[in-house]
Amino acid sequence: MEFELYTTVDITNTKARKGDDPVMYKQYQNFMTVLQTIGMRCNPTVSTDPLITESEYFEGEKVWRFVFGIDYEQGHSLSLLNSDFNLVPFISGLDETMVFEDAVFITNGDKQNILFIEKE
């Protein structure tokens, strides 16, 4: 089972460590936050890193697309992902074009900055 994640939050997988470039380190921390939040219920399978893409969901903003799989069908659902991610903090002020009032993932409403789609 696979899901697509679209977000206006910079989740670039830089693999930067503490002591490396501070911006790259913060980008990597956001990516790790995404993986760890998904991983609260099951281990995600990652085949490609998040990529910047065009998106009809967040028109006019820079958007990161991330595809991940899960081990078994009941491991996650759109409802669980939306619930788990809502209000999880992230580091803002990186390579985003969106300005965030609060640096937290928001899964619905007019301030939404992350969206999940179940792939067929």
N, C-alpha and C. Protein backbone atom coordinates (compact mmCIF):
# COMPACT_ATOMS: atom_id res chain seq x y z
N MET A 1 0.85 -1.17 0.00
CA MET A 1 0.00 0.00 0.00
C MET A 1 0.89 1.24 0.00
N GLU A 2 0.55 2.21 -0.86
CA GLU A 2 1.35 3.42 -0.96
C GLU A 2 0.49 4.67 -0.76
N PHE A 3 1.15 5.69 -0.24
CA PHE A 3 0.52 6.99 -0.04
C PHE A 3 1.40 8.06 -0.68
N GLU A 4 0.76 9.13 -1.11
CA GLU A 4 1.47 10.33 -1.54
C GLU A 4 1.22 11.40 -0.50
N LEU A 5 2.26 12.14 -0.19
CA LEU A 5 2.16 13.26 0.73
C LEU A 5 2.54 14.51 -0.06
N TYR A 6 1.73 15.55 0.03
CA TYR A 6 2.05 16.84 -0.56
C TYR A 6 2.09 17.85 0.57
N THR A 7 3.14 18.66 0.62
CA THR A 7 3.25 19.64 1.68
C THR A 7 3.97 20.90 1.20
N THR A 8 3.62 22.00 1.82
CA THR A 8 4.30 23.26 1.55
C THR A 8 5.45 23.48 2.52
N VAL A 9 5.71 22.50 3.35
CA VAL A 9 6.82 22.55 4.32
C VAL A 9 8.05 21.91 3.67
N ASP A 10 9.20 22.53 3.86
CA ASP A 10 10.46 22.02 3.29
C ASP A 10 10.87 20.75 4.03
N ILE A 11 10.69 19.61 3.35
CA ILE A 11 11.07 18.31 3.92
C ILE A 11 12.18 17.66 3.07
N THR A 12 13.09 18.48 2.57
CA THR A 12 14.18 17.98 1.74
C THR A 12 15.05 17.02 2.55
N ASN A 13 15.33 15.87 1.97
CA ASN A 13 16.17 14.86 2.64
C ASN A 13 17.64 15.15 2.33
N THR A 14 18.23 16.04 3.08
CA THR A 14 19.63 16.43 2.84
C THR A 14 20.62 15.48 3.50
N LYS A 15 20.17 14.69 4.46
CA LYS A 15 21.03 13.80 5.25
C LYS A 15 22.10 14.56 6.02
N ALA A 16 21.87 15.85 6.25
CA ALA A 16 22.83 16.70 6.96
C ALA A 16 22.83 16.36 8.45
N ARG A 17 24.00 16.45 9.03
CA ARG A 17 24.18 16.18 10.46
C ARG A 17 24.44 17.49 11.21
N LYS A 18 24.32 17.42 12.51
CA LYS A 18 24.64 18.59 13.34
C LYS A 18 26.07 19.01 13.03
N GLY A 19 26.26 20.30 12.85
CA GLY A 19 27.58 20.80 12.50
C GLY A 19 27.71 21.08 11.01
N ASP A 20 26.81 20.47 10.19
CA ASP A 20 26.78 20.77 8.76
C ASP A 20 26.07 22.11 8.57
N ASP A 21 25.81 22.47 7.34
CA ASP A 21 25.08 23.70 7.03
C ASP A 21 23.78 23.74 7.84
N PRO A 22 23.52 24.82 8.60
CA PRO A 22 22.34 24.87 9.49
C PRO A 22 21.00 24.73 8.75
N VAL A 23 20.87 25.30 7.57
CA VAL A 23 19.62 25.19 6.82
C VAL A 23 19.41 23.75 6.38
N MET A 24 20.44 23.13 5.85
CA MET A 24 20.33 21.74 5.42
C MET A 24 20.01 20.82 6.59
N TYR A 25 20.58 21.10 7.75
CA TYR A 25 20.30 20.31 8.94
C TYR A 25 18.83 20.43 9.34
N LYS A 26 18.28 21.64 9.28
CA LYS A 26 16.87 21.85 9.63
C LYS A 26 15.94 21.19 8.61
N GLN A 27 16.30 21.23 7.34
CA GLN A 27 15.51 20.55 6.31
C GLN A 27 15.44 19.05 6.63
N TYR A 28 16.59 18.50 6.97
CA TYR A 28 16.65 17.07 7.29
C TYR A 28 15.83 16.75 8.54
N GLN A 29 15.84 17.65 9.51
CA GLN A 29 15.04 17.42 10.72
C GLN A 29 13.55 17.38 10.38
N ASN A 30 13.10 18.22 9.46
CA ASN A 30 11.71 18.16 9.02
C ASN A 30 11.40 16.84 8.33
N PHE A 31 12.32 16.37 7.49
CA PHE A 31 12.12 15.07 6.83
C PHE A 31 12.04 13.96 7.87
N MET A 32 12.91 13.99 8.85
CA MET A 32 12.89 12.96 9.90
C MET A 32 11.60 13.04 10.73
N THR A 33 11.08 14.25 10.94
CA THR A 33 9.80 14.40 11.65
C THR A 33 8.69 13.68 10.89
N VAL A 34 8.69 13.83 9.56
CA VAL A 34 7.69 13.15 8.73
C VAL A 34 7.83 11.63 8.88
N LEU A 35 9.05 11.12 8.74
CA LEU A 35 9.26 9.67 8.85
C LEU A 35 8.87 9.14 10.22
N GLN A 36 9.24 9.86 11.26
CA GLN A 36 8.94 9.40 12.62
C GLN A 36 7.45 9.45 12.92
N THR A 37 6.75 10.43 12.38
CA THR A 37 5.31 10.51 12.60
C THR A 37 4.61 9.36 11.89
N ILE A 38 5.01 9.08 10.65
CA ILE A 38 4.46 7.92 9.95
C ILE A 38 4.80 6.65 10.72
N GLY A 39 6.02 6.57 11.22
CA GLY A 39 6.53 5.38 11.88
C GLY A 39 5.94 5.10 13.25
N MET A 40 5.11 5.99 13.77
CA MET A 40 4.46 5.70 15.05
C MET A 40 3.54 4.49 14.95
N ARG A 41 3.02 4.21 13.76
CA ARG A 41 2.08 3.10 13.58
C ARG A 41 2.67 1.93 12.80
N CYS A 42 3.60 2.22 11.90
CA CYS A 42 4.22 1.16 11.10
C CYS A 42 5.50 1.71 10.46
N ASN A 43 6.32 0.81 9.98
CA ASN A 43 7.56 1.23 9.33
C ASN A 43 7.29 1.62 7.89
N PRO A 44 7.59 2.88 7.53
CA PRO A 44 7.39 3.27 6.13
C PRO A 44 8.48 2.72 5.24
N THR A 45 8.12 2.46 3.99
CA THR A 45 9.07 2.06 2.96
C THR A 45 9.29 3.27 2.07
N VAL A 46 10.54 3.68 1.95
CA VAL A 46 10.87 4.87 1.18
C VAL A 46 11.68 4.46 -0.04
N SER A 47 11.17 4.77 -1.22
CA SER A 47 11.91 4.43 -2.44
C SER A 47 12.56 5.65 -3.07
N THR A 48 11.97 6.82 -2.88
CA THR A 48 12.57 8.05 -3.40
C THR A 48 12.44 9.17 -2.38
N ASP A 49 13.35 10.11 -2.45
CA ASP A 49 13.31 11.26 -1.55
C ASP A 49 12.20 12.22 -1.97
N PRO A 50 11.77 13.10 -1.07
CA PRO A 50 10.78 14.12 -1.44
C PRO A 50 11.33 15.00 -2.57
N LEU A 51 10.46 15.34 -3.50
CA LEU A 51 10.83 16.17 -4.63
C LEU A 51 9.93 17.39 -4.70
N ILE A 52 10.47 18.50 -5.15
CA ILE A 52 9.68 19.70 -5.37
C ILE A 52 8.90 19.50 -6.66
N THR A 53 7.61 19.82 -6.63
CA THR A 53 6.74 19.56 -7.76
C THR A 53 5.68 20.64 -7.89
N GLU A 54 4.98 20.64 -9.01
CA GLU A 54 3.79 21.47 -9.18
C GLU A 54 2.63 20.72 -8.55
N SER A 55 1.69 21.45 -7.99
CA SER A 55 0.55 20.78 -7.38
C SER A 55 -0.70 21.63 -7.46
N GLU A 56 -1.78 21.01 -7.87
CA GLU A 56 -3.07 21.69 -7.90
C GLU A 56 -3.62 21.89 -6.50
N TYR A 57 -3.09 21.16 -5.54
CA TYR A 57 -3.60 21.23 -4.17
C TYR A 57 -3.15 22.49 -3.44
N PHE A 58 -1.95 22.97 -3.75
CA PHE A 58 -1.41 24.17 -3.11
C PHE A 58 -0.91 25.10 -4.21
N GLU A 59 -1.82 25.54 -5.04
CA GLU A 59 -1.47 26.34 -6.21
C GLU A 59 -0.74 27.62 -5.81
N GLY A 60 0.34 27.91 -6.53
CA GLY A 60 1.11 29.12 -6.29
C GLY A 60 2.17 28.99 -5.22
N GLU A 61 2.26 27.85 -4.59
CA GLU A 61 3.25 27.62 -3.53
C GLU A 61 4.25 26.56 -3.96
N LYS A 62 5.43 26.61 -3.38
CA LYS A 62 6.40 25.53 -3.59
C LYS A 62 5.89 24.32 -2.81
N VAL A 63 5.89 23.15 -3.46
CA VAL A 63 5.30 21.95 -2.86
C VAL A 63 6.29 20.79 -2.95
N TRP A 64 6.39 20.05 -1.85
CA TRP A 64 7.19 18.83 -1.82
C TRP A 64 6.25 17.64 -1.92
N ARG A 65 6.60 16.69 -2.78
CA ARG A 65 5.83 15.45 -2.93
C ARG A 65 6.69 14.30 -2.43
N PHE A 66 6.10 13.48 -1.59
CA PHE A 66 6.82 12.35 -1.00
C PHE A 66 5.92 11.12 -1.08
N VAL A 67 6.43 10.06 -1.67
CA VAL A 67 5.69 8.81 -1.80
C VAL A 67 6.31 7.80 -0.83
N PHE A 68 5.46 7.15 -0.07
CA PHE A 68 5.95 6.13 0.86
C PHE A 68 4.98 4.96 0.88
N GLY A 69 5.50 3.82 1.20
CA GLY A 69 4.69 2.61 1.33
C GLY A 69 4.64 2.18 2.78
N ILE A 70 3.71 1.28 3.05
CA ILE A 70 3.63 0.69 4.38
C ILE A 70 3.57 -0.82 4.23
N ASP A 71 3.95 -1.52 5.30
CA ASP A 71 4.08 -2.97 5.27
C ASP A 71 2.77 -3.71 5.07
N TYR A 72 1.73 -3.27 5.73
CA TYR A 72 0.47 -4.00 5.67
C TYR A 72 -0.69 -3.01 5.60
N GLU A 73 -1.78 -3.45 4.98
CA GLU A 73 -2.89 -2.58 4.63
C GLU A 73 -3.51 -1.85 5.82
N GLN A 74 -3.63 -2.48 6.95
CA GLN A 74 -4.25 -1.85 8.10
C GLN A 74 -3.27 -0.98 8.89
N GLY A 75 -2.04 -0.86 8.43
CA GLY A 75 -1.03 -0.08 9.15
C GLY A 75 -1.30 1.40 9.18
N HIS A 76 -1.97 1.90 8.16
CA HIS A 76 -2.31 3.32 8.09
C HIS A 76 -3.54 3.51 7.24
N SER A 77 -4.13 4.67 7.38
CA SER A 77 -5.25 5.10 6.55
C SER A 77 -5.16 6.61 6.42
N LEU A 78 -5.92 7.17 5.51
CA LEU A 78 -5.92 8.63 5.38
C LEU A 78 -6.37 9.29 6.68
N SER A 79 -7.35 8.71 7.31
CA SER A 79 -7.86 9.24 8.57
C SER A 79 -6.77 9.24 9.66
N LEU A 80 -6.05 8.14 9.77
CA LEU A 80 -4.99 8.05 10.78
C LEU A 80 -3.85 9.02 10.48
N LEU A 81 -3.45 9.10 9.22
CA LEU A 81 -2.37 10.03 8.85
C LEU A 81 -2.77 11.47 9.15
N ASN A 82 -3.99 11.85 8.79
CA ASN A 82 -4.45 13.21 9.07
C ASN A 82 -4.49 13.48 10.57
N SER A 83 -4.94 12.53 11.33
CA SER A 83 -4.99 12.68 12.78
C SER A 83 -3.59 12.75 13.39
N ASP A 84 -2.71 11.85 12.97
CA ASP A 84 -1.35 11.80 13.54
C ASP A 84 -0.55 13.06 13.22
N PHE A 85 -0.71 13.61 12.02
CA PHE A 85 0.11 14.75 11.60
C PHE A 85 -0.43 16.10 12.06
N ASN A 86 -1.72 16.20 12.33
CA ASN A 86 -2.29 17.49 12.67
C ASN A 86 -1.65 18.06 13.93
N LEU A 87 -1.08 19.25 13.79
CA LEU A 87 -0.43 20.02 14.86
C LEU A 87 0.95 19.49 15.27
N VAL A 88 1.57 18.64 14.47
CA VAL A 88 2.95 18.23 14.72
C VAL A 88 3.86 19.39 14.33
N PRO A 89 4.75 19.82 15.20
CA PRO A 89 5.62 20.96 14.88
C PRO A 89 6.69 20.63 13.85
N PHE A 90 7.10 21.65 13.11
CA PHE A 90 8.20 21.55 12.16
C PHE A 90 9.02 22.84 12.22
N ILE A 91 10.12 22.86 11.52
CA ILE A 91 10.99 24.05 11.46
C ILE A 91 10.62 24.81 10.20
N SER A 92 10.24 26.07 10.35
CA SER A 92 9.87 26.89 9.19
C SER A 92 10.99 27.86 8.84
N GLY A 93 10.77 28.64 7.79
CA GLY A 93 11.76 29.64 7.38
C GLY A 93 12.90 29.04 6.59
N LEU A 94 12.65 27.95 5.89
CA LEU A 94 13.70 27.30 5.10
C LEU A 94 13.52 27.68 3.64
N ASP A 95 13.18 26.74 2.76
CA ASP A 95 13.05 27.03 1.33
C ASP A 95 11.58 27.08 0.90
N GLU A 96 10.68 27.34 1.85
CA GLU A 96 9.26 27.40 1.53
C GLU A 96 8.90 28.76 0.92
N THR A 97 7.79 28.77 0.19
CA THR A 97 7.25 30.05 -0.28
C THR A 97 6.08 30.48 0.59
N MET A 98 5.46 29.53 1.29
CA MET A 98 4.33 29.84 2.16
C MET A 98 4.85 30.39 3.49
N VAL A 99 4.14 31.36 4.03
CA VAL A 99 4.46 31.89 5.35
C VAL A 99 3.49 31.24 6.34
N PHE A 100 4.03 30.69 7.41
CA PHE A 100 3.22 29.97 8.39
C PHE A 100 3.04 30.82 9.64
N GLU A 101 1.79 30.94 10.10
CA GLU A 101 1.53 31.63 11.37
C GLU A 101 2.11 30.82 12.52
N ASP A 102 1.88 29.52 12.46
CA ASP A 102 2.40 28.60 13.46
C ASP A 102 3.14 27.50 12.71
N ALA A 103 4.28 27.11 13.20
CA ALA A 103 5.09 26.08 12.54
C ALA A 103 4.62 24.70 12.97
N VAL A 104 3.40 24.36 12.54
CA VAL A 104 2.83 23.04 12.79
C VAL A 104 2.15 22.55 11.52
N PHE A 105 2.17 21.24 11.30
CA PHE A 105 1.43 20.68 10.18
C PHE A 105 -0.06 20.84 10.45
N ILE A 106 -0.80 21.25 9.42
CA ILE A 106 -2.25 21.40 9.51
C ILE A 106 -2.85 20.58 8.38
N THR A 107 -3.70 19.63 8.73
CA THR A 107 -4.19 18.66 7.75
C THR A 107 -5.54 19.00 7.14
N ASN A 108 -6.15 20.11 7.57
CA ASN A 108 -7.43 20.50 6.95
C ASN A 108 -7.70 21.98 7.17
N GLY A 109 -8.68 22.49 6.47
CA GLY A 109 -9.07 23.89 6.62
C GLY A 109 -8.29 24.82 5.71
N ASP A 110 -8.50 26.12 5.90
CA ASP A 110 -7.89 27.10 5.01
C ASP A 110 -6.39 27.31 5.27
N LYS A 111 -5.88 26.81 6.37
CA LYS A 111 -4.44 26.90 6.65
C LYS A 111 -3.71 25.58 6.41
N GLN A 112 -4.38 24.65 5.73
CA GLN A 112 -3.81 23.33 5.47
C GLN A 112 -2.46 23.46 4.76
N ASN A 113 -1.47 22.69 5.23
CA ASN A 113 -0.15 22.71 4.60
C ASN A 113 0.39 21.31 4.32
N ILE A 114 -0.43 20.30 4.53
CA ILE A 114 -0.04 18.92 4.21
C ILE A 114 -1.29 18.15 3.78
N LEU A 115 -1.12 17.28 2.78
CA LEU A 115 -2.23 16.52 2.23
C LEU A 115 -1.75 15.11 1.93
N PHE A 116 -2.58 14.12 2.23
CA PHE A 116 -2.27 12.73 1.96
C PHE A 116 -3.25 12.18 0.94
N ILE A 117 -2.73 11.36 0.03
CA ILE A 117 -3.56 10.69 -0.96
C ILE A 117 -3.14 9.22 -0.97
N GLU A 118 -4.13 8.34 -0.94
CA GLU A 118 -3.86 6.91 -1.03
C GLU A 118 -3.72 6.55 -2.51
N LYS A 119 -2.60 5.92 -2.86
CA LYS A 119 -2.37 5.54 -4.25
C LYS A 119 -3.11 4.24 -4.55
N GLU A 120 -3.62 4.14 -5.73
CA GLU A 120 -4.35 2.94 -6.16
C GLU A 120 -3.40 1.87 -6.60
